[in-house]
N, C-alpha and C. Protein backbone atom coordinates (compact mmCIF):
# COMPACT_ATOMS: atom_id res chain seq x y z
N MET A 1 0.84 -1.18 0.00
CA MET A 1 0.00 0.00 0.00
C MET A 1 0.89 1.24 0.00
N GLU A 2 0.61 2.16 -0.89
CA GLU A 2 1.41 3.36 -1.01
C GLU A 2 0.99 4.41 0.00
N ALA A 3 2.00 5.16 0.46
CA ALA A 3 1.73 6.25 1.40
C ALA A 3 1.26 7.46 0.62
N SER A 4 0.36 8.20 1.22
CA SER A 4 -0.14 9.41 0.57
C SER A 4 0.91 10.52 0.65
N ALA A 5 0.68 11.56 -0.12
CA ALA A 5 1.61 12.70 -0.12
C ALA A 5 1.68 13.35 1.26
N GLY A 6 0.54 13.38 1.96
CA GLY A 6 0.51 13.95 3.31
C GLY A 6 1.34 13.14 4.29
N GLU A 7 1.28 11.81 4.18
CA GLU A 7 2.08 10.96 5.05
C GLU A 7 3.56 11.12 4.75
N ASP A 8 3.91 11.21 3.46
CA ASP A 8 5.31 11.42 3.09
C ASP A 8 5.83 12.75 3.64
N GLN A 9 5.00 13.78 3.57
CA GLN A 9 5.39 15.09 4.09
C GLN A 9 5.60 15.03 5.60
N THR A 10 4.72 14.32 6.30
CA THR A 10 4.86 14.18 7.76
C THR A 10 6.13 13.42 8.11
N LEU A 11 6.39 12.32 7.41
CA LEU A 11 7.62 11.55 7.65
C LEU A 11 8.86 12.41 7.39
N TRP A 12 8.81 13.21 6.32
CA TRP A 12 9.93 14.07 5.99
C TRP A 12 10.16 15.10 7.10
N ARG A 13 9.08 15.67 7.63
CA ARG A 13 9.20 16.65 8.73
C ARG A 13 9.81 16.01 9.97
N TRP A 14 9.40 14.80 10.31
CA TRP A 14 9.96 14.13 11.47
C TRP A 14 11.43 13.78 11.23
N ARG A 15 11.77 13.43 10.00
CA ARG A 15 13.17 13.14 9.68
C ARG A 15 14.02 14.39 9.88
N ILE A 16 13.53 15.54 9.41
CA ILE A 16 14.24 16.81 9.58
C ILE A 16 14.34 17.16 11.06
N THR A 17 13.25 16.97 11.79
CA THR A 17 13.24 17.27 13.23
C THR A 17 14.27 16.42 13.96
N LEU A 18 14.33 15.15 13.64
CA LEU A 18 15.30 14.26 14.27
C LEU A 18 16.72 14.66 13.90
N THR A 19 16.94 15.05 12.67
CA THR A 19 18.26 15.50 12.23
C THR A 19 18.69 16.76 12.97
N VAL A 20 17.78 17.72 13.10
CA VAL A 20 18.09 18.96 13.83
C VAL A 20 18.39 18.64 15.30
N ALA A 21 17.59 17.77 15.91
CA ALA A 21 17.82 17.40 17.30
C ALA A 21 19.19 16.73 17.46
N ALA A 22 19.54 15.87 16.52
CA ALA A 22 20.85 15.20 16.58
C ALA A 22 21.98 16.21 16.48
N TRP A 23 21.86 17.17 15.56
CA TRP A 23 22.90 18.19 15.44
C TRP A 23 23.01 19.04 16.71
N LEU A 24 21.88 19.39 17.31
CA LEU A 24 21.91 20.15 18.56
C LEU A 24 22.61 19.36 19.66
N LEU A 25 22.32 18.06 19.72
CA LEU A 25 22.99 17.21 20.72
C LEU A 25 24.48 17.09 20.44
N ILE A 26 24.86 17.03 19.16
CA ILE A 26 26.29 16.96 18.82
C ILE A 26 27.00 18.24 19.27
N VAL A 27 26.40 19.38 18.98
CA VAL A 27 27.02 20.65 19.37
C VAL A 27 27.10 20.76 20.90
N GLN A 28 25.99 20.45 21.57
CA GLN A 28 25.96 20.55 23.03
C GLN A 28 26.96 19.61 23.68
N SER A 29 27.01 18.36 23.25
CA SER A 29 27.92 17.40 23.87
C SER A 29 29.37 17.72 23.52
N GLY A 30 29.61 18.23 22.31
CA GLY A 30 30.97 18.62 21.95
C GLY A 30 31.48 19.78 22.79
N ILE A 31 30.64 20.79 22.97
CA ILE A 31 31.03 21.94 23.80
C ILE A 31 31.24 21.50 25.25
N THR A 32 30.35 20.66 25.76
CA THR A 32 30.48 20.19 27.14
C THR A 32 31.73 19.35 27.32
N PHE A 33 32.05 18.52 26.33
CA PHE A 33 33.26 17.70 26.39
C PHE A 33 34.51 18.58 26.42
N ILE A 34 34.56 19.58 25.55
CA ILE A 34 35.72 20.48 25.51
C ILE A 34 35.84 21.26 26.81
N ALA A 35 34.72 21.76 27.33
CA ALA A 35 34.75 22.49 28.61
C ALA A 35 35.21 21.58 29.74
N GLY A 36 34.75 20.34 29.73
CA GLY A 36 35.19 19.38 30.76
C GLY A 36 36.67 19.12 30.69
N LEU A 37 37.20 18.98 29.47
CA LEU A 37 38.65 18.78 29.31
C LEU A 37 39.43 19.98 29.82
N ILE A 38 38.94 21.18 29.55
CA ILE A 38 39.61 22.39 30.03
C ILE A 38 39.69 22.39 31.55
N VAL A 39 38.58 22.05 32.20
CA VAL A 39 38.57 22.00 33.67
C VAL A 39 39.53 20.92 34.16
N LEU A 40 39.51 19.76 33.52
CA LEU A 40 40.42 18.68 33.93
C LEU A 40 41.89 19.10 33.83
N PHE A 41 42.22 19.83 32.77
CA PHE A 41 43.61 20.25 32.60
C PHE A 41 43.99 21.42 33.50
N LEU A 42 43.05 22.30 33.80
CA LEU A 42 43.37 23.48 34.60
C LEU A 42 43.22 23.27 36.11
N ALA A 43 42.44 22.28 36.52
CA ALA A 43 42.19 22.07 37.96
C ALA A 43 43.48 21.87 38.76
N PRO A 44 44.45 21.11 38.26
CA PRO A 44 45.68 20.95 39.06
C PRO A 44 46.45 22.24 39.28
N PHE A 45 46.24 23.23 38.41
CA PHE A 45 46.96 24.49 38.54
C PHE A 45 46.30 25.45 39.53
N ALA A 46 45.07 25.16 39.92
CA ALA A 46 44.37 26.02 40.88
C ALA A 46 45.00 25.82 42.25
N ALA A 47 45.34 26.89 42.87
CA ALA A 47 45.97 26.83 44.20
C ALA A 47 44.87 26.75 45.25
N GLN A 48 44.30 25.56 45.41
CA GLN A 48 43.19 25.41 46.35
C GLN A 48 43.62 25.65 47.79
N SER A 49 44.81 25.23 48.15
CA SER A 49 45.25 25.44 49.53
C SER A 49 45.37 26.92 49.84
N THR A 50 45.83 27.72 48.87
CA THR A 50 45.91 29.17 49.06
C THR A 50 44.51 29.76 49.21
N LEU A 51 43.59 29.28 48.38
CA LEU A 51 42.21 29.76 48.47
C LEU A 51 41.62 29.47 49.84
N TYR A 52 41.80 28.24 50.32
CA TYR A 52 41.23 27.87 51.62
C TYR A 52 41.89 28.67 52.74
N ALA A 53 43.18 28.96 52.62
CA ALA A 53 43.86 29.77 53.63
C ALA A 53 43.31 31.19 53.65
N GLN A 54 43.02 31.73 52.47
CA GLN A 54 42.46 33.07 52.40
C GLN A 54 41.04 33.10 52.96
N LEU A 55 40.29 32.02 52.74
CA LEU A 55 38.93 31.96 53.29
C LEU A 55 38.93 31.90 54.81
N GLY A 56 40.02 31.40 55.37
CA GLY A 56 40.11 31.30 56.82
C GLY A 56 40.00 32.63 57.53
N THR A 57 40.25 33.70 56.83
CA THR A 57 40.13 35.02 57.46
C THR A 57 38.69 35.50 57.53
N VAL A 58 37.79 34.90 56.70
CA VAL A 58 36.40 35.37 56.70
C VAL A 58 35.39 34.27 57.07
N LEU A 59 35.80 33.02 57.04
CA LEU A 59 34.88 31.91 57.35
C LEU A 59 35.45 31.05 58.45
N ASP A 60 34.55 30.37 59.16
CA ASP A 60 35.03 29.43 60.18
C ASP A 60 35.38 28.09 59.52
N ARG A 61 35.97 27.19 60.31
CA ARG A 61 36.47 25.92 59.78
C ARG A 61 35.37 25.04 59.17
N SER A 62 34.18 25.05 59.75
CA SER A 62 33.11 24.19 59.23
C SER A 62 32.69 24.64 57.83
N HIS A 63 32.64 25.95 57.59
CA HIS A 63 32.30 26.44 56.26
C HIS A 63 33.41 26.14 55.25
N ILE A 64 34.64 26.27 55.68
CA ILE A 64 35.76 25.95 54.79
C ILE A 64 35.74 24.47 54.44
N ALA A 65 35.45 23.62 55.42
CA ALA A 65 35.36 22.19 55.16
C ALA A 65 34.24 21.88 54.18
N MET A 66 33.11 22.59 54.32
CA MET A 66 32.00 22.40 53.40
C MET A 66 32.41 22.81 51.98
N ILE A 67 33.11 23.91 51.86
CA ILE A 67 33.55 24.38 50.54
C ILE A 67 34.55 23.38 49.94
N GLN A 68 35.46 22.86 50.76
CA GLN A 68 36.41 21.86 50.26
C GLN A 68 35.68 20.63 49.74
N THR A 69 34.66 20.19 50.48
CA THR A 69 33.87 19.03 50.06
C THR A 69 33.15 19.31 48.75
N LEU A 70 32.53 20.48 48.64
CA LEU A 70 31.81 20.84 47.42
C LEU A 70 32.75 20.95 46.22
N VAL A 71 33.93 21.50 46.42
CA VAL A 71 34.90 21.59 45.33
C VAL A 71 35.32 20.20 44.89
N GLY A 72 35.58 19.32 45.84
CA GLY A 72 35.95 17.94 45.52
C GLY A 72 34.85 17.22 44.76
N GLN A 73 33.60 17.39 45.22
CA GLN A 73 32.47 16.76 44.54
C GLN A 73 32.29 17.34 43.14
N THR A 74 32.48 18.63 42.99
CA THR A 74 32.34 19.27 41.68
C THR A 74 33.39 18.75 40.71
N LEU A 75 34.61 18.61 41.16
CA LEU A 75 35.67 18.07 40.30
C LEU A 75 35.37 16.62 39.90
N PHE A 76 34.85 15.84 40.84
CA PHE A 76 34.47 14.45 40.54
C PHE A 76 33.34 14.42 39.51
N LEU A 77 32.32 15.26 39.70
CA LEU A 77 31.22 15.32 38.74
C LEU A 77 31.69 15.80 37.37
N ASN A 78 32.68 16.67 37.36
CA ASN A 78 33.23 17.13 36.07
C ASN A 78 33.83 15.95 35.30
N ARG A 79 34.52 15.07 35.99
CA ARG A 79 35.10 13.90 35.31
C ARG A 79 34.00 13.01 34.73
N ILE A 80 32.96 12.79 35.52
CA ILE A 80 31.84 11.96 35.05
C ILE A 80 31.15 12.64 33.87
N GLN A 81 30.93 13.93 33.97
CA GLN A 81 30.25 14.66 32.90
C GLN A 81 31.09 14.68 31.63
N THR A 82 32.40 14.76 31.74
CA THR A 82 33.27 14.75 30.57
C THR A 82 33.17 13.42 29.84
N VAL A 83 33.21 12.33 30.57
CA VAL A 83 33.07 11.00 29.96
C VAL A 83 31.66 10.85 29.37
N GLY A 84 30.66 11.28 30.12
CA GLY A 84 29.28 11.21 29.63
C GLY A 84 29.08 12.02 28.37
N SER A 85 29.74 13.18 28.28
CA SER A 85 29.63 14.01 27.09
C SER A 85 30.26 13.34 25.88
N LEU A 86 31.36 12.64 26.10
CA LEU A 86 31.99 11.91 25.00
C LEU A 86 31.09 10.78 24.51
N ILE A 87 30.48 10.07 25.44
CA ILE A 87 29.54 9.00 25.07
C ILE A 87 28.32 9.60 24.35
N LEU A 88 27.82 10.73 24.87
CA LEU A 88 26.69 11.39 24.23
C LEU A 88 27.05 11.88 22.83
N LEU A 89 28.26 12.36 22.65
CA LEU A 89 28.71 12.79 21.33
C LEU A 89 28.67 11.63 20.34
N ALA A 90 29.19 10.49 20.76
CA ALA A 90 29.16 9.31 19.89
C ALA A 90 27.72 8.89 19.60
N GLY A 91 26.87 8.86 20.63
CA GLY A 91 25.47 8.50 20.43
C GLY A 91 24.74 9.48 19.55
N SER A 92 25.05 10.76 19.68
CA SER A 92 24.40 11.78 18.86
C SER A 92 24.78 11.64 17.39
N ILE A 93 26.02 11.27 17.14
CA ILE A 93 26.44 11.02 15.76
C ILE A 93 25.69 9.80 15.22
N GLY A 94 25.54 8.77 16.04
CA GLY A 94 24.74 7.61 15.64
C GLY A 94 23.29 8.00 15.39
N LEU A 95 22.76 8.88 16.21
CA LEU A 95 21.38 9.35 16.02
C LEU A 95 21.26 10.14 14.72
N LEU A 96 22.26 10.96 14.41
CA LEU A 96 22.27 11.70 13.16
C LEU A 96 22.24 10.75 11.96
N LEU A 97 22.91 9.63 12.11
CA LEU A 97 22.94 8.63 11.04
C LEU A 97 21.72 7.71 11.09
N HIS A 98 20.81 8.00 12.03
CA HIS A 98 19.56 7.25 12.22
C HIS A 98 19.83 5.79 12.56
N LYS A 99 20.82 5.58 13.41
CA LYS A 99 21.17 4.24 13.88
C LYS A 99 20.49 3.99 15.22
N LYS A 100 19.99 2.79 15.39
CA LYS A 100 19.29 2.44 16.63
C LYS A 100 20.24 2.51 17.83
N TRP A 101 21.51 2.10 17.65
CA TRP A 101 22.47 2.14 18.75
C TRP A 101 22.69 3.58 19.23
N GLY A 102 22.67 4.54 18.30
CA GLY A 102 22.82 5.94 18.69
C GLY A 102 21.65 6.40 19.54
N TRP A 103 20.45 5.97 19.14
CA TRP A 103 19.25 6.29 19.90
C TRP A 103 19.36 5.73 21.32
N TYR A 104 19.78 4.46 21.43
CA TYR A 104 19.94 3.84 22.76
C TYR A 104 20.96 4.60 23.61
N MET A 105 22.08 4.95 23.01
CA MET A 105 23.12 5.66 23.77
C MET A 105 22.62 7.01 24.27
N VAL A 106 21.94 7.75 23.42
CA VAL A 106 21.45 9.07 23.82
C VAL A 106 20.42 8.94 24.94
N VAL A 107 19.51 7.99 24.82
CA VAL A 107 18.50 7.79 25.87
C VAL A 107 19.17 7.37 27.17
N ILE A 108 20.10 6.42 27.11
CA ILE A 108 20.75 5.93 28.33
C ILE A 108 21.53 7.05 29.01
N VAL A 109 22.26 7.86 28.24
CA VAL A 109 23.03 8.96 28.84
C VAL A 109 22.10 9.96 29.52
N HIS A 110 20.97 10.27 28.90
CA HIS A 110 20.05 11.24 29.50
C HIS A 110 19.33 10.67 30.73
N VAL A 111 18.99 9.40 30.71
CA VAL A 111 18.40 8.78 31.90
C VAL A 111 19.43 8.75 33.02
N ALA A 112 20.68 8.42 32.69
CA ALA A 112 21.75 8.43 33.69
C ALA A 112 21.96 9.83 34.25
N ALA A 113 21.81 10.85 33.41
CA ALA A 113 21.95 12.24 33.88
C ALA A 113 20.87 12.58 34.89
N VAL A 114 19.64 12.14 34.63
CA VAL A 114 18.55 12.39 35.57
C VAL A 114 18.84 11.71 36.91
N VAL A 115 19.28 10.46 36.86
CA VAL A 115 19.60 9.73 38.08
C VAL A 115 20.75 10.42 38.83
N ALA A 116 21.78 10.84 38.09
CA ALA A 116 22.93 11.50 38.71
C ALA A 116 22.54 12.81 39.39
N VAL A 117 21.61 13.51 38.80
CA VAL A 117 21.15 14.76 39.43
C VAL A 117 20.56 14.47 40.80
N PHE A 118 19.75 13.44 40.89
CA PHE A 118 19.13 13.12 42.18
C PHE A 118 20.14 12.53 43.17
N ILE A 119 21.11 11.77 42.70
CA ILE A 119 22.06 11.12 43.61
C ILE A 119 23.15 12.08 44.07
N TRP A 120 23.74 12.84 43.12
CA TRP A 120 24.89 13.67 43.48
C TRP A 120 24.60 15.16 43.51
N VAL A 121 23.90 15.65 42.53
CA VAL A 121 23.75 17.10 42.41
C VAL A 121 22.77 17.66 43.44
N MET A 122 21.65 16.99 43.65
CA MET A 122 20.68 17.51 44.61
C MET A 122 21.28 17.66 46.01
N PRO A 123 22.03 16.65 46.52
CA PRO A 123 22.65 16.87 47.84
C PRO A 123 23.64 18.04 47.85
N MET A 124 24.33 18.26 46.74
CA MET A 124 25.24 19.41 46.67
C MET A 124 24.45 20.72 46.72
N PHE A 125 23.36 20.78 45.95
CA PHE A 125 22.50 21.96 45.99
C PHE A 125 21.99 22.19 47.41
N GLU A 126 21.54 21.12 48.03
CA GLU A 126 20.96 21.26 49.37
C GLU A 126 22.01 21.77 50.36
N THR A 127 23.20 21.20 50.33
CA THR A 127 24.27 21.65 51.22
C THR A 127 24.57 23.12 51.01
N LEU A 128 24.68 23.49 49.77
CA LEU A 128 25.02 24.87 49.44
C LEU A 128 23.92 25.85 49.85
N TYR A 129 22.69 25.55 49.47
CA TYR A 129 21.60 26.48 49.76
C TYR A 129 21.23 26.51 51.24
N ARG A 130 21.37 25.39 51.94
CA ARG A 130 21.09 25.41 53.39
C ARG A 130 22.15 26.21 54.14
N ALA A 131 23.36 26.26 53.61
CA ALA A 131 24.41 27.07 54.26
C ALA A 131 24.04 28.55 54.19
N PHE A 132 23.43 28.96 53.09
CA PHE A 132 23.07 30.37 52.94
C PHE A 132 21.70 30.70 53.50
N ASP A 133 20.77 29.75 53.45
CA ASP A 133 19.40 29.99 53.92
C ASP A 133 18.86 28.69 54.54
N PRO A 134 19.13 28.47 55.83
CA PRO A 134 18.72 27.21 56.46
C PRO A 134 17.21 26.95 56.40
N ALA A 135 16.41 27.99 56.43
CA ALA A 135 14.95 27.80 56.46
C ALA A 135 14.40 27.35 55.10
N ARG A 136 14.87 27.96 54.03
CA ARG A 136 14.32 27.66 52.70
C ARG A 136 15.30 26.95 51.78
N GLY A 137 16.45 26.58 52.28
CA GLY A 137 17.47 25.95 51.45
C GLY A 137 17.01 24.67 50.79
N GLY A 138 16.25 23.83 51.52
CA GLY A 138 15.75 22.58 50.95
C GLY A 138 14.79 22.80 49.80
N THR A 139 13.93 23.80 49.94
CA THR A 139 12.96 24.11 48.88
C THR A 139 13.67 24.63 47.64
N ILE A 140 14.64 25.49 47.84
CA ILE A 140 15.40 26.03 46.71
C ILE A 140 16.18 24.91 46.03
N ALA A 141 16.78 24.01 46.82
CA ALA A 141 17.52 22.88 46.25
C ALA A 141 16.61 21.98 45.43
N LEU A 142 15.40 21.74 45.92
CA LEU A 142 14.44 20.92 45.18
C LEU A 142 14.06 21.59 43.86
N ALA A 143 13.82 22.90 43.90
CA ALA A 143 13.48 23.64 42.67
C ALA A 143 14.63 23.59 41.67
N MET A 144 15.86 23.78 42.13
CA MET A 144 17.01 23.72 41.24
C MET A 144 17.20 22.31 40.67
N THR A 145 16.91 21.29 41.46
CA THR A 145 17.02 19.92 40.99
C THR A 145 16.00 19.66 39.89
N MET A 146 14.78 20.12 40.08
CA MET A 146 13.75 19.93 39.06
C MET A 146 14.14 20.63 37.75
N LEU A 147 14.72 21.82 37.87
CA LEU A 147 15.18 22.52 36.67
C LEU A 147 16.33 21.76 35.99
N ALA A 148 17.23 21.18 36.78
CA ALA A 148 18.36 20.43 36.23
C ALA A 148 17.90 19.14 35.54
N VAL A 149 16.79 18.58 35.99
CA VAL A 149 16.27 17.33 35.43
C VAL A 149 15.42 17.59 34.19
N LEU A 150 14.93 18.79 34.04
CA LEU A 150 13.98 19.09 32.97
C LEU A 150 14.55 18.84 31.57
N ALA A 151 15.73 19.34 31.27
CA ALA A 151 16.29 19.19 29.92
C ALA A 151 16.50 17.74 29.52
N PRO A 152 17.17 16.91 30.34
CA PRO A 152 17.32 15.51 29.92
C PRO A 152 15.98 14.78 29.82
N ALA A 153 15.03 15.12 30.67
CA ALA A 153 13.72 14.48 30.61
C ALA A 153 12.99 14.83 29.31
N VAL A 154 13.11 16.07 28.87
CA VAL A 154 12.48 16.49 27.61
C VAL A 154 13.12 15.76 26.42
N VAL A 155 14.44 15.61 26.45
CA VAL A 155 15.12 14.90 25.36
C VAL A 155 14.64 13.45 25.29
N VAL A 156 14.56 12.79 26.44
CA VAL A 156 14.10 11.40 26.46
C VAL A 156 12.65 11.32 25.99
N ALA A 157 11.81 12.23 26.44
CA ALA A 157 10.41 12.22 26.01
C ALA A 157 10.31 12.40 24.49
N PHE A 158 11.12 13.29 23.93
CA PHE A 158 11.13 13.49 22.48
C PHE A 158 11.56 12.21 21.76
N LEU A 159 12.61 11.59 22.25
CA LEU A 159 13.13 10.39 21.58
C LEU A 159 12.20 9.19 21.70
N LEU A 160 11.28 9.24 22.65
CA LEU A 160 10.33 8.14 22.82
C LEU A 160 9.04 8.34 22.02
N LEU A 161 8.91 9.48 21.34
CA LEU A 161 7.73 9.71 20.51
C LEU A 161 7.69 8.69 19.38
N ARG A 162 6.50 8.21 19.08
CA ARG A 162 6.34 7.20 18.04
C ARG A 162 6.94 7.61 16.69
N PRO A 163 6.72 8.85 16.20
CA PRO A 163 7.30 9.22 14.91
C PRO A 163 8.84 9.17 14.91
N VAL A 164 9.47 9.49 16.05
CA VAL A 164 10.92 9.43 16.13
C VAL A 164 11.38 7.98 16.09
N VAL A 165 10.75 7.14 16.88
CA VAL A 165 11.11 5.73 16.90
C VAL A 165 10.88 5.10 15.53
N SER A 166 9.80 5.49 14.87
CA SER A 166 9.51 4.92 13.54
C SER A 166 10.58 5.34 12.53
N GLN A 167 11.16 6.53 12.68
CA GLN A 167 12.26 6.95 11.79
C GLN A 167 13.45 6.01 11.93
N LEU A 168 13.71 5.59 13.16
CA LEU A 168 14.86 4.71 13.40
C LEU A 168 14.55 3.28 12.96
N GLU A 169 13.29 2.85 13.09
CA GLU A 169 12.91 1.51 12.66
C GLU A 169 12.92 1.39 11.15
N ARG A 170 12.61 2.47 10.46
CA ARG A 170 12.63 2.48 9.00
C ARG A 170 14.05 2.42 8.48
N GLY A 171 15.00 2.95 9.29
CA GLY A 171 16.37 3.01 8.85
C GLY A 171 16.61 4.09 7.82
N THR A 172 15.71 5.07 7.81
CA THR A 172 15.83 6.16 6.82
C THR A 172 16.50 7.36 7.42
């Protein structure tokens, strides 16, 4: 059975939409990967001990310890994000080529990002915001977490749409 001109036009639009989304993911993951590498290379040159010594004149030891912990966690998350960005870059190229493996990689990386936000980033937000505002810090941390989860959730929702999946099943 032949597809009508309207169906062909709809399929073409979804193909273009998927291609644009793949290019956006390639650009985003490439920029994030490069930024992560810059941080990895520059972090050893940062004089953290000098910074903490200077903070000692304006903060007490517990706040300095909290800042040291947050800096350590941030550097650890940067390593994870750099590797994740490289994987996402590869998956996005596969998605651009309309390969099913690329689709799987992009979905898995974004689901992992959502999980990571709740496991690692939300506690960091909470620690930071409670230090500045003990009464409302938890609420602000929750709001920031929801905002951080929104982008990867939207990408996964888009990739799970039937027209997107059908583009990959067709192999076109």
